[in-house]
């Protein structure tokens, strides 16, 4: 039996960065003569609008086998790996989140590629370049990858955005030949959120211990106009209160170029006020610019 390499990600949901990167990396492995599939048992969240799901590049059907080996992308905390993963058969981890670098470096050596960039898709494209296979990135694959960078760097405006993200973005932009694509992408994502705000919140909420500063329930929504969510706070409160008392929402408004942190619990508010040196007005704290969840997590872990 030919050994299969299963390229997968997290267990709660799959976002566009993980989705595009799994598909692209499985494609790269196949181009190199290795048998690989991009697989996920998680539901796609609002960062993957229908136009991307309809592209002629998607996840593969998967029948588990004991011989399978696994590549994990966009997550390095093993508690959140896709349920299909056999940890003993992991051969590579590619991620851009801080926290588990040493663990995987000790276990996989140079097969642990964990670098704090804006998007894991940037790392994947760089691997195509390293192999001399950039010409094999089709327009459809480039659309997936550029969407991942847009989403994870908030249109290249998030602090986490690196020069490497921008360089890769520009190369992908030359492939898709559409300068207006960012606006199209974000408006389609917002349209999906508008249709079912409850599901959007559920699909983009992480429940995990990160630090003493942040609550264990951390939701995030990226939208064009914040008023759509703020007019429906009753939905927001109901969904997050059902998960627990200690929660926060990072509401990223691209129209304003700012993040709005929403929290009801007074202890959560106090911790966030200390972290950002800003005050809540009622249940909302307005930040000066956009912040990604992973950036907030990182600075909370750096606090003494």
Protein backbone atom coordinates (compact mmCIF):
# COMPACT_ATOMS: atom_id res chain seq x y z
CA UNK A 1 0.00 0.00 0.00
CA UNK A 2 1.32 3.46 -0.96
CA UNK A 3 1.77 5.66 2.08
CA UNK A 4 -0.55 8.71 2.13
CA UNK A 5 0.45 12.08 3.57
CA UNK A 6 -2.61 13.77 5.07
CA UNK A 7 -2.31 17.55 5.24
CA UNK A 8 -4.73 18.94 7.82
CA UNK A 9 -5.28 21.57 10.51
CA UNK A 10 -7.47 22.25 13.58
CA UNK A 11 -10.56 20.56 14.99
CA UNK A 12 -13.08 23.31 15.79
CA UNK A 13 -13.25 25.13 12.48
CA UNK A 14 -11.07 25.74 9.46
CA UNK A 15 -10.38 29.31 8.31
CA UNK A 16 -9.14 30.48 4.93
CA UNK A 17 -5.47 30.46 5.98
CA UNK A 18 -5.59 26.81 7.02
CA UNK A 19 -7.90 25.85 4.13
CA UNK A 20 -5.79 27.46 1.40
CA UNK A 21 -2.51 26.34 2.94
CA UNK A 22 -3.55 22.71 3.34
CA UNK A 23 -4.71 22.57 -0.28
CA UNK A 24 -1.59 24.33 -1.55
CA UNK A 25 0.84 22.21 0.47
CA UNK A 26 -0.80 18.92 -0.51
CA UNK A 27 -0.55 20.10 -4.12
CA UNK A 28 3.15 20.90 -3.63
CA UNK A 29 3.85 17.46 -2.18
CA UNK A 30 2.09 15.83 -5.12
CA UNK A 31 4.15 17.94 -7.54
CA UNK A 32 7.25 16.58 -5.80
CA UNK A 33 6.07 13.01 -6.37
CA UNK A 34 4.65 12.33 -2.91
CA UNK A 35 1.07 11.10 -2.51
CA UNK A 36 -0.80 13.67 -0.43
CA UNK A 37 -4.33 14.84 0.32
CA UNK A 38 -5.69 18.04 1.89
CA UNK A 39 -8.25 16.95 4.48
CA UNK A 40 -10.34 18.50 7.25
CA UNK A 41 -13.24 17.27 9.36
CA UNK A 42 -13.82 20.81 10.68
CA UNK A 43 -16.42 23.23 9.37
CA UNK A 44 -15.28 26.20 7.24
CA UNK A 45 -15.80 29.53 8.96
CA UNK A 46 -16.87 32.89 7.51
CA UNK A 47 -13.43 33.64 6.09
CA UNK A 48 -14.18 31.07 3.35
CA UNK A 49 -17.08 32.51 1.30
CA UNK A 50 -18.98 30.44 -1.23
CA UNK A 51 -17.00 31.71 -4.23
CA UNK A 52 -13.86 30.11 -2.77
CA UNK A 53 -15.61 26.87 -1.87
CA UNK A 54 -16.78 26.64 -5.47
CA UNK A 55 -13.30 26.92 -6.96
CA UNK A 56 -11.93 23.85 -8.70
CA UNK A 57 -9.51 23.33 -5.80
CA UNK A 58 -10.80 22.07 -2.47
CA UNK A 59 -10.42 19.48 0.24
CA UNK A 60 -10.16 15.81 -0.64
CA UNK A 61 -12.30 12.84 0.37
CA UNK A 62 -10.50 10.81 3.00
CA UNK A 63 -10.67 7.20 4.10
CA UNK A 64 -8.38 6.67 7.14
CA UNK A 65 -5.57 4.12 7.03
CA UNK A 66 -3.07 3.02 9.67
CA UNK A 67 -0.28 3.75 7.22
CA UNK A 68 -1.14 7.45 6.88
CA UNK A 69 1.29 10.15 7.95
CA UNK A 70 0.25 13.68 8.88
CA UNK A 71 1.36 17.23 8.16
CA UNK A 72 -0.24 19.79 10.48
CA UNK A 73 -0.74 23.33 9.22
CA UNK A 74 -1.75 26.56 10.98
CA UNK A 75 -1.89 25.01 14.46
CA UNK A 76 0.85 23.64 16.73
CA UNK A 77 -1.05 23.05 19.98
CA UNK A 78 -1.74 19.33 19.75
CA UNK A 79 -4.88 19.68 21.89
CA UNK A 80 -6.55 21.37 18.91
CA UNK A 81 -5.47 19.12 16.04
CA UNK A 82 -8.13 17.71 13.75
CA UNK A 83 -9.63 14.57 15.27
CA UNK A 84 -8.37 12.48 12.34
CA UNK A 85 -4.74 13.02 13.39
CA UNK A 86 -2.58 10.28 14.88
CA UNK A 87 0.04 12.22 16.82
CA UNK A 88 2.58 9.40 16.52
CA UNK A 89 2.40 9.69 12.73
CA UNK A 90 3.00 13.46 12.48
CA UNK A 91 5.96 14.10 10.17
CA UNK A 92 5.79 17.88 9.80
CA UNK A 93 4.27 20.96 11.44
CA UNK A 94 3.97 24.29 9.61
CA UNK A 95 2.56 27.14 11.68
CA UNK A 96 2.80 30.87 12.35
CA UNK A 97 1.57 30.94 15.96
CA UNK A 98 3.90 31.30 18.93
CA UNK A 99 3.98 28.95 21.91
CA UNK A 100 4.99 25.46 20.78
CA UNK A 101 8.14 26.06 18.76
CA UNK A 102 10.55 24.25 21.09
CA UNK A 103 8.31 21.21 21.54
CA UNK A 104 8.08 20.54 17.81
CA UNK A 105 11.68 21.50 17.10
CA UNK A 106 12.82 18.89 19.60
CA UNK A 107 10.49 16.30 18.11
CA UNK A 108 10.76 16.99 14.35
CA UNK A 109 13.95 19.08 13.97
CA UNK A 110 13.90 20.86 10.59
CA UNK A 111 10.43 19.47 9.84
CA UNK A 112 9.03 21.93 12.39
CA UNK A 113 8.55 25.17 10.47
CA UNK A 114 7.04 27.62 12.95
CA UNK A 115 7.59 31.31 12.27
CA UNK A 116 5.56 34.27 13.54
CA UNK A 117 4.31 35.75 10.26
CA UNK A 118 1.00 37.28 9.29
CA UNK A 119 -0.17 34.21 7.41
CA UNK A 120 0.88 30.59 7.19
CA UNK A 121 0.06 30.86 3.48
CA UNK A 122 3.17 33.04 3.17
CA UNK A 123 5.31 30.13 4.39
CA UNK A 124 3.64 27.77 1.93
CA UNK A 125 4.26 30.04 -1.06
CA UNK A 126 7.89 30.44 0.02
CA UNK A 127 8.19 26.64 -0.06
CA UNK A 128 6.93 26.67 -3.68
CA UNK A 129 9.65 29.22 -4.44
CA UNK A 130 12.30 27.14 -2.70
CA UNK A 131 11.36 24.16 -4.86
CA UNK A 132 11.34 26.27 -8.06
CA UNK A 133 7.61 25.59 -8.53
CA UNK A 134 6.03 29.06 -8.37
CA UNK A 135 4.95 28.60 -12.00
CA UNK A 136 2.75 25.73 -10.81
CA UNK A 137 0.55 28.06 -8.71
CA UNK A 138 -2.60 28.40 -10.80
CA UNK A 139 -4.89 31.43 -10.72
CA UNK A 140 -7.42 29.52 -8.60
CA UNK A 141 -4.78 28.45 -6.10
CA UNK A 142 -3.40 32.00 -6.03
CA UNK A 143 -6.90 33.32 -5.22
CA UNK A 144 -7.11 30.97 -2.23
CA UNK A 145 -3.65 31.92 -0.99
CA UNK A 146 -4.06 35.68 -1.46
CA UNK A 147 -7.41 35.48 0.38
CA UNK A 148 -5.59 33.80 3.27
CA UNK A 149 -3.04 36.60 3.47
CA UNK A 150 -5.74 39.27 3.21
CA UNK A 151 -7.77 37.70 6.02
CA UNK A 152 -4.87 36.98 8.36
CA UNK A 153 -3.20 40.38 7.90
CA UNK A 154 -6.42 42.42 7.64
CA UNK A 155 -5.60 43.66 4.17
CA UNK A 156 -1.89 43.95 5.12
CA UNK A 157 -2.72 46.45 7.92
CA UNK A 158 -2.34 44.24 11.00
CA UNK A 159 0.78 44.61 13.14
CA UNK A 160 1.67 41.01 12.50
CA UNK A 161 2.13 41.73 8.78
CA UNK A 162 5.74 41.16 7.75
CA UNK A 163 7.73 42.18 4.68
CA UNK A 164 7.61 38.52 3.68
CA UNK A 165 3.78 38.59 3.73
CA UNK A 166 3.77 41.69 1.53
CA UNK A 167 6.31 40.26 -0.91
CA UNK A 168 4.34 37.03 -1.31
CA UNK A 169 1.08 38.98 -1.62
CA UNK A 170 2.52 41.02 -4.49
CA UNK A 171 3.63 37.87 -6.31
CA UNK A 172 0.18 36.32 -5.96
CA UNK A 173 -1.47 39.57 -7.06
CA UNK A 174 0.49 39.37 -10.31
CA UNK A 175 -0.99 35.91 -10.87
CA UNK A 176 -4.64 36.82 -10.21
CA UNK A 177 -4.46 40.19 -12.01
CA UNK A 178 -7.19 41.89 -9.95
CA UNK A 179 -6.34 45.02 -7.93
CA UNK A 180 -9.92 45.21 -6.59
CA UNK A 181 -9.90 41.71 -5.19
CA UNK A 182 -9.46 42.72 -1.48
CA UNK A 183 -12.72 44.70 -1.45
CA UNK A 184 -14.57 41.89 -3.22
CA UNK A 185 -13.27 39.33 -0.76
CA UNK A 186 -14.11 41.22 2.43
CA UNK A 187 -17.58 42.25 1.26
CA UNK A 188 -18.42 38.63 0.43
CA UNK A 189 -17.21 37.53 3.87
CA UNK A 190 -19.38 40.17 5.53
CA UNK A 191 -22.39 39.08 3.52
CA UNK A 192 -21.97 35.57 4.89
CA UNK A 193 -21.76 36.90 8.46
CA UNK A 194 -24.88 39.02 7.95
CA UNK A 195 -26.92 35.97 7.00
CA UNK A 196 -26.25 34.12 10.26
CA UNK A 197 -24.50 36.14 12.98
CA UNK A 198 -25.06 33.41 15.57
CA UNK A 199 -23.27 30.81 13.46
CA UNK A 200 -20.51 33.26 12.57
CA UNK A 201 -19.74 33.85 16.26
CA UNK A 202 -19.86 30.15 17.08
CA UNK A 203 -17.57 29.32 14.16
CA UNK A 204 -14.89 31.84 15.10
CA UNK A 205 -14.69 31.43 18.87
CA UNK A 206 -11.64 29.81 20.44
CA UNK A 207 -12.01 28.18 23.85
CA UNK A 208 -8.61 27.63 25.40
CA UNK A 209 -6.40 28.89 28.20
CA UNK A 210 -3.88 31.36 26.80
CA UNK A 211 -2.80 33.49 29.76
CA UNK A 212 -4.01 34.81 33.10
CA UNK A 213 -4.99 38.05 31.37
CA UNK A 214 -7.36 36.77 28.69
CA UNK A 215 -10.65 34.96 29.25
CA UNK A 216 -10.82 31.35 28.03
CA UNK A 217 -13.57 32.20 25.52
CA UNK A 218 -12.17 34.48 22.80
CA UNK A 219 -14.31 35.25 19.76
CA UNK A 220 -13.36 37.29 16.71
CA UNK A 221 -15.29 38.75 13.78
CA UNK A 222 -13.77 40.64 10.85
CA UNK A 223 -16.32 42.84 9.12
CA UNK A 224 -16.50 45.93 6.94
CA UNK A 225 -19.04 47.84 9.07
CA UNK A 226 -19.25 47.24 12.84
CA UNK A 227 -22.83 48.52 13.11
CA UNK A 228 -24.15 45.25 11.70
CA UNK A 229 -22.94 43.44 14.80
CA UNK A 230 -23.57 46.22 17.31
CA UNK A 231 -27.24 46.37 16.26
CA UNK A 232 -27.51 42.70 17.24
CA UNK A 233 -25.82 42.60 20.64
CA UNK A 234 -28.59 40.43 22.00
CA UNK A 235 -27.46 37.66 19.61
CA UNK A 236 -23.83 38.21 20.59
CA UNK A 237 -24.59 38.04 24.32
CA UNK A 238 -26.79 34.98 24.00
CA UNK A 239 -24.23 32.96 22.02
CA UNK A 240 -21.23 33.81 24.19
CA UNK A 241 -23.07 33.64 27.52
CA UNK A 242 -24.10 30.11 26.60
CA UNK A 243 -20.40 29.21 26.40
CA UNK A 244 -19.52 30.69 29.80
CA UNK A 245 -19.20 33.86 31.87
CA UNK A 246 -15.64 34.81 30.94
CA UNK A 247 -15.60 35.84 27.29
CA UNK A 248 -14.50 38.59 24.93
CA UNK A 249 -15.10 39.48 21.30
CA UNK A 250 -12.55 41.16 19.06
CA UNK A 251 -14.70 43.02 16.54
CA UNK A 252 -12.43 44.09 13.67
CA UNK A 253 -13.95 46.89 11.60
CA UNK A 254 -12.08 47.40 8.32
CA UNK A 255 -14.10 50.50 7.47
CA UNK A 256 -12.82 52.22 10.64
CA UNK A 257 -9.42 50.52 10.62
CA UNK A 258 -9.91 49.63 14.30
CA UNK A 259 -10.63 46.79 16.68
CA UNK A 260 -13.44 47.03 19.22
CA UNK A 261 -13.14 44.72 22.22
CA UNK A 262 -16.48 43.71 23.71
CA UNK A 263 -16.73 42.08 27.15
CA UNK A 264 -19.44 42.03 29.81
CA UNK A 265 -17.58 40.52 32.78
CA UNK A 266 -15.95 43.21 34.96
CA UNK A 267 -12.85 41.13 35.69
CA UNK A 268 -12.30 40.54 31.97
CA UNK A 269 -12.71 44.27 31.34
CA UNK A 270 -10.21 45.14 34.10
CA UNK A 271 -7.58 42.79 32.66
CA UNK A 272 -8.03 44.15 29.15
CA UNK A 273 -7.84 47.74 30.40
CA UNK A 274 -4.51 46.93 32.03
CA UNK A 275 -3.24 45.17 28.90
CA UNK A 276 -4.08 48.05 26.54
CA UNK A 277 -4.00 50.99 28.98
CA UNK A 278 -7.46 52.03 27.79
CA UNK A 279 -10.90 52.18 29.38
CA UNK A 280 -14.14 50.42 28.54
CA UNK A 281 -17.23 52.48 27.82
CA UNK A 282 -20.06 50.24 28.96
CA UNK A 283 -19.13 46.90 27.38
CA UNK A 284 -16.83 48.19 24.59
CA UNK A 285 -13.20 49.27 24.36
CA UNK A 286 -12.14 51.08 21.17
CA UNK A 287 -8.54 50.45 20.14
CA UNK A 288 -6.48 52.81 17.97
CA UNK A 289 -6.02 50.37 15.11
CA UNK A 290 -6.72 46.79 14.07
CA UNK A 291 -5.57 43.90 16.23
CA UNK A 292 -5.77 40.23 15.37
CA UNK A 293 -6.68 37.68 18.02
CA UNK A 294 -3.27 36.02 17.68
CA UNK A 295 -1.58 39.41 18.27
CA UNK A 296 -3.62 39.98 21.43
CA UNK A 297 -2.81 36.47 22.60
CA UNK A 298 0.89 37.06 22.00
CA UNK A 299 1.13 40.31 23.97
CA UNK A 300 -0.89 38.78 26.83
CA UNK A 301 1.66 35.94 27.06
CA UNK A 302 4.52 38.44 27.13
CA UNK A 303 3.17 40.29 30.17
CA UNK A 304 5.03 39.60 33.40
